[in-house]
């Protein structure tokens, strides 16, 4: 038996063993480029070049560009399940003053953790930035992956807030959810805060999470919890403002 090592076969076998998963490489490349440049500014060829694979392989694995875009969110669907699981744990708690905060933490926390991780950075940016593009591409993704999540959190907020404000409506809570989402997405994408704070704040800082949670919680309560009689008659209220005499314009 010939026991000599054949260099050609050894090198070939080694190259197969260490070759990265090209399908995964395509997905990661698309995620990065879509996050950085936007869906419409990226071509399939650019994705193939970024992934270091032949152009035809992108279509072989994922089909057309919009299908590849969809595949990114399918790949990360576990993060949505995590948020829903944390929400379910909170809903099992008795009602109290901190239940609203716990719901907001379940909404915010996993996203901030994802943004801070090396593997989730581009996906978080894509969610915060890329989903604002044209509806023909993003609307199917929103409906399939994010609308069920939004409805679950709106249901939880509505159920919890009715113990503090029985008259709260789903319309009010839906607006509160949208405002909370806007604050969260802005936080994970924006870098301007460093400049505006004159270097005292760090963009996307996870240490700012309590500030973000407090902002959302107090904002929601400010919208839906009934105001006291004193605040209702304050000078800033429409009723009291209408009672003040109109000021004459200077001649």
Protein backbone atom coordinates (compact mmCIF):
# COMPACT_ATOMS: atom_id res chain seq x y z
CA UNK A 1 0.00 0.00 0.00
CA UNK A 2 1.26 3.44 -0.88
CA UNK A 3 1.34 5.37 2.40
CA UNK A 4 2.97 8.47 1.03
CA UNK A 5 1.13 11.72 1.56
CA UNK A 6 -0.08 13.31 -1.65
CA UNK A 7 0.39 17.07 -1.22
CA UNK A 8 -2.35 17.98 -3.67
CA UNK A 9 -5.02 16.00 -1.88
CA UNK A 10 -3.85 17.14 1.54
CA UNK A 11 -4.07 20.81 0.58
CA UNK A 12 -7.43 20.30 -1.07
CA UNK A 13 -8.82 18.55 1.97
CA UNK A 14 -7.45 21.29 4.22
CA UNK A 15 -8.97 24.05 2.13
CA UNK A 16 -12.38 22.39 2.28
CA UNK A 17 -12.08 22.00 6.02
CA UNK A 18 -11.32 25.67 6.69
CA UNK A 19 -13.51 27.22 3.99
CA UNK A 20 -16.08 29.47 5.66
CA UNK A 21 -19.81 29.00 5.18
CA UNK A 22 -20.39 30.96 2.00
CA UNK A 23 -24.13 31.11 2.49
CA UNK A 24 -23.66 32.74 5.89
CA UNK A 25 -21.00 35.04 4.45
CA UNK A 26 -23.50 36.32 1.87
CA UNK A 27 -26.09 37.00 4.55
CA UNK A 28 -23.62 38.89 6.73
CA UNK A 29 -22.32 40.90 3.78
CA UNK A 30 -25.85 41.89 2.75
CA UNK A 31 -26.72 42.84 6.32
CA UNK A 32 -23.64 45.06 6.59
CA UNK A 33 -24.08 46.80 3.25
CA UNK A 34 -27.83 47.32 3.63
CA UNK A 35 -27.22 48.83 7.08
CA UNK A 36 -24.46 51.13 5.88
CA UNK A 37 -25.81 52.24 2.51
CA UNK A 38 -29.49 51.38 2.36
CA UNK A 39 -31.29 48.72 0.37
CA UNK A 40 -31.57 50.54 -2.95
CA UNK A 41 -27.93 51.68 -2.95
CA UNK A 42 -26.57 48.13 -2.80
CA UNK A 43 -26.27 45.73 -5.73
CA UNK A 44 -26.07 41.96 -5.73
CA UNK A 45 -22.59 42.23 -7.21
CA UNK A 46 -21.45 44.41 -4.32
CA UNK A 47 -22.82 41.87 -1.87
CA UNK A 48 -20.98 39.05 -3.66
CA UNK A 49 -17.75 41.05 -3.61
CA UNK A 50 -18.12 41.82 0.08
CA UNK A 51 -18.77 38.15 0.84
CA UNK A 52 -15.95 36.99 -1.44
CA UNK A 53 -18.14 34.62 -3.43
CA UNK A 54 -19.09 34.27 -7.10
CA UNK A 55 -21.99 36.49 -8.15
CA UNK A 56 -24.17 33.53 -9.16
CA UNK A 57 -23.94 32.06 -5.68
CA UNK A 58 -26.00 34.88 -4.17
CA UNK A 59 -28.95 34.04 -6.38
CA UNK A 60 -28.41 30.30 -5.89
CA UNK A 61 -28.76 30.59 -2.13
CA UNK A 62 -31.23 33.46 -1.73
CA UNK A 63 -32.89 34.30 -5.04
CA UNK A 64 -33.57 37.97 -5.77
CA UNK A 65 -32.37 40.89 -3.69
CA UNK A 66 -35.66 41.40 -1.86
CA UNK A 67 -35.61 37.73 -0.87
CA UNK A 68 -32.13 38.15 0.56
CA UNK A 69 -33.36 41.19 2.48
CA UNK A 70 -36.18 39.09 3.92
CA UNK A 71 -33.76 36.29 4.83
CA UNK A 72 -31.81 38.63 7.09
CA UNK A 73 -34.84 39.24 9.29
CA UNK A 74 -35.80 35.57 9.25
CA UNK A 75 -32.29 34.79 10.49
CA UNK A 76 -32.67 37.20 13.40
CA UNK A 77 -36.26 36.27 14.29
CA UNK A 78 -34.98 34.72 17.51
CA UNK A 79 -34.41 38.20 18.92
CA UNK A 80 -38.11 38.92 18.52
CA UNK A 81 -38.94 35.67 20.26
CA UNK A 82 -36.63 36.68 23.11
CA UNK A 83 -38.44 39.97 23.56
CA UNK A 84 -41.81 38.24 23.53
CA UNK A 85 -40.58 35.68 26.07
CA UNK A 86 -39.41 38.45 28.40
CA UNK A 87 -42.72 40.21 27.93
CA UNK A 88 -44.61 37.05 28.85
CA UNK A 89 -42.64 36.79 32.10
CA UNK A 90 -43.54 40.36 32.99
CA UNK A 91 -47.23 39.82 32.28
CA UNK A 92 -47.29 37.01 34.84
CA UNK A 93 -46.33 39.50 37.56
CA UNK A 94 -49.01 41.13 39.74
CA UNK A 95 -49.96 44.66 38.86
CA UNK A 96 -47.91 47.33 40.57
CA UNK A 97 -46.19 50.62 40.06
CA UNK A 98 -43.16 49.00 38.40
CA UNK A 99 -44.98 46.76 35.93
CA UNK A 100 -45.03 49.42 33.24
CA UNK A 101 -41.29 49.85 33.69
CA UNK A 102 -40.72 46.13 33.38
CA UNK A 103 -42.65 46.05 30.10
CA UNK A 104 -40.54 48.91 28.74
CA UNK A 105 -37.36 47.15 29.87
CA UNK A 106 -38.44 44.02 28.00
CA UNK A 107 -39.03 46.18 24.94
CA UNK A 108 -35.73 48.06 25.13
CA UNK A 109 -33.22 45.73 26.77
CA UNK A 110 -32.71 42.99 24.16
CA UNK A 111 -32.32 45.55 21.39
CA UNK A 112 -29.64 47.46 23.27
CA UNK A 113 -27.79 44.21 24.03
CA UNK A 114 -27.94 43.31 20.36
CA UNK A 115 -26.62 46.71 19.33
CA UNK A 116 -23.71 46.37 21.74
CA UNK A 117 -22.70 42.92 20.44
CA UNK A 118 -20.26 42.45 17.58
CA UNK A 119 -22.55 40.02 15.78
CA UNK A 120 -25.68 42.14 16.11
CA UNK A 121 -24.35 45.62 15.41
CA UNK A 122 -25.23 45.78 11.72
CA UNK A 123 -28.61 44.13 12.18
CA UNK A 124 -29.56 46.67 14.85
CA UNK A 125 -28.52 49.48 12.52
CA UNK A 126 -30.50 47.91 9.69
CA UNK A 127 -33.61 47.75 11.85
CA UNK A 128 -33.24 51.35 12.98
CA UNK A 129 -32.33 52.79 9.60
CA UNK A 130 -33.09 50.39 6.77
CA UNK A 131 -36.75 49.84 7.59
CA UNK A 132 -37.53 53.48 6.89
CA UNK A 133 -37.02 52.93 3.17
CA UNK A 134 -39.64 52.39 0.49
CA UNK A 135 -42.62 50.35 1.56
CA UNK A 136 -42.47 47.98 -1.41
CA UNK A 137 -39.41 46.37 0.20
CA UNK A 138 -39.85 46.97 3.92
CA UNK A 139 -43.61 46.65 4.38
CA UNK A 140 -43.68 42.84 4.00
CA UNK A 141 -40.88 42.56 6.56
CA UNK A 142 -42.67 44.89 8.97
CA UNK A 143 -45.93 42.99 8.65
CA UNK A 144 -44.42 39.55 9.08
CA UNK A 145 -41.80 40.13 11.78
CA UNK A 146 -42.51 43.37 13.62
CA UNK A 147 -46.27 43.95 13.57
CA UNK A 148 -46.97 40.87 15.76
CA UNK A 149 -44.32 42.10 18.21
CA UNK A 150 -45.83 45.59 18.24
CA UNK A 151 -49.34 44.26 18.84
CA UNK A 152 -48.12 42.12 21.73
CA UNK A 153 -46.49 45.09 23.44
CA UNK A 154 -49.46 47.36 22.76
CA UNK A 155 -51.78 44.74 24.27
CA UNK A 156 -49.52 44.46 27.32
CA UNK A 157 -49.31 48.23 27.76
CA UNK A 158 -53.05 48.66 27.36
CA UNK A 159 -53.84 45.93 29.89
CA UNK A 160 -51.38 47.33 32.42
CA UNK A 161 -52.22 51.00 31.97
CA UNK A 162 -55.92 50.42 32.48
CA UNK A 163 -55.12 49.74 36.13
CA UNK A 164 -53.77 53.29 36.38
CA UNK A 165 -55.99 55.00 33.83
CA UNK A 166 -59.20 53.05 33.14
CA UNK A 167 -60.17 55.35 30.31
CA UNK A 168 -57.03 54.85 28.25
CA UNK A 169 -57.69 53.93 24.62
CA UNK A 170 -55.86 51.67 22.22
CA UNK A 171 -55.26 54.67 20.01
CA UNK A 172 -53.37 56.44 22.79
CA UNK A 173 -51.30 53.36 23.56
CA UNK A 174 -50.52 52.75 19.89
CA UNK A 175 -49.17 56.29 19.64
CA UNK A 176 -47.15 55.78 22.80
CA UNK A 177 -45.68 52.61 21.31
CA UNK A 178 -44.69 54.46 18.14
CA UNK A 179 -43.06 57.26 20.13
CA UNK A 180 -41.21 54.74 22.30
CA UNK A 181 -40.03 52.90 19.22
CA UNK A 182 -38.78 56.13 17.71
CA UNK A 183 -36.74 56.92 20.83
CA UNK A 184 -35.25 53.42 20.88
CA UNK A 185 -34.32 53.36 17.20
CA UNK A 186 -32.83 56.84 17.37
CA UNK A 187 -30.68 55.82 20.32
CA UNK A 188 -29.18 52.79 18.61
CA UNK A 189 -28.43 54.61 15.37
CA UNK A 190 -27.64 58.22 16.26
CA UNK A 191 -24.08 59.44 16.88
CA UNK A 192 -24.84 63.15 17.26
CA UNK A 193 -25.22 63.05 21.03
CA UNK A 194 -21.45 62.98 21.52
CA UNK A 195 -21.11 66.28 19.70
CA UNK A 196 -24.13 67.87 21.35
CA UNK A 197 -22.98 66.86 24.82
CA UNK A 198 -19.52 68.23 24.07
CA UNK A 199 -18.00 64.83 24.62
CA UNK A 200 -19.73 64.00 27.90
CA UNK A 201 -21.98 61.36 26.32
CA UNK A 202 -20.97 58.39 24.18
CA UNK A 203 -23.15 57.47 21.21
CA UNK A 204 -25.11 54.21 21.56
CA UNK A 205 -23.90 53.88 25.16
CA UNK A 206 -25.66 50.99 26.92
CA UNK A 207 -25.19 52.91 30.18
CA UNK A 208 -27.86 55.29 28.90
CA UNK A 209 -30.45 52.49 29.03
CA UNK A 210 -31.96 53.64 32.37
CA UNK A 211 -32.36 57.15 30.95
CA UNK A 212 -34.11 55.76 27.89
CA UNK A 213 -36.40 53.56 29.98
CA UNK A 214 -37.27 56.47 32.30
CA UNK A 215 -37.95 58.72 29.32
CA UNK A 216 -40.35 56.19 27.79
CA UNK A 217 -42.10 55.27 31.05
CA UNK A 218 -42.66 58.88 32.10
CA UNK A 219 -43.68 59.83 28.58
CA UNK A 220 -46.33 57.12 28.48
CA UNK A 221 -47.66 58.06 31.91
CA UNK A 222 -47.70 61.70 30.92
CA UNK A 223 -49.97 60.87 28.00
CA UNK A 224 -52.43 58.40 29.48
CA UNK A 225 -52.62 58.90 33.26
CA UNK A 226 -55.27 61.49 34.16
CA UNK A 227 -53.92 64.88 35.22
CA UNK A 228 -54.72 66.28 38.64
CA UNK A 229 -57.22 69.07 39.06
CA UNK A 230 -54.38 71.47 39.76
CA UNK A 231 -52.63 70.72 36.51
CA UNK A 232 -55.90 70.92 34.62
CA UNK A 233 -56.36 74.50 35.79
CA UNK A 234 -52.75 75.54 35.33
CA UNK A 235 -51.95 78.49 33.04
CA UNK A 236 -50.69 76.12 30.41
CA UNK A 237 -54.02 74.37 30.03
CA UNK A 238 -56.29 75.34 27.10
CA UNK A 239 -59.17 76.13 29.49
CA UNK A 240 -57.29 78.60 31.62
CA UNK A 241 -55.52 80.07 28.62
CA UNK A 242 -58.85 80.88 27.01
CA UNK A 243 -59.91 82.85 30.11
CA UNK A 244 -56.98 85.22 29.97
CA UNK A 245 -57.77 88.57 28.26
CA UNK A 246 -56.20 88.99 24.89
CA UNK A 247 -53.16 91.23 24.85
CA UNK A 248 -53.38 94.31 22.67
CA UNK A 249 -50.83 94.63 19.98
CA UNK A 250 -48.65 97.71 20.30
CA UNK A 251 -49.75 100.49 18.00
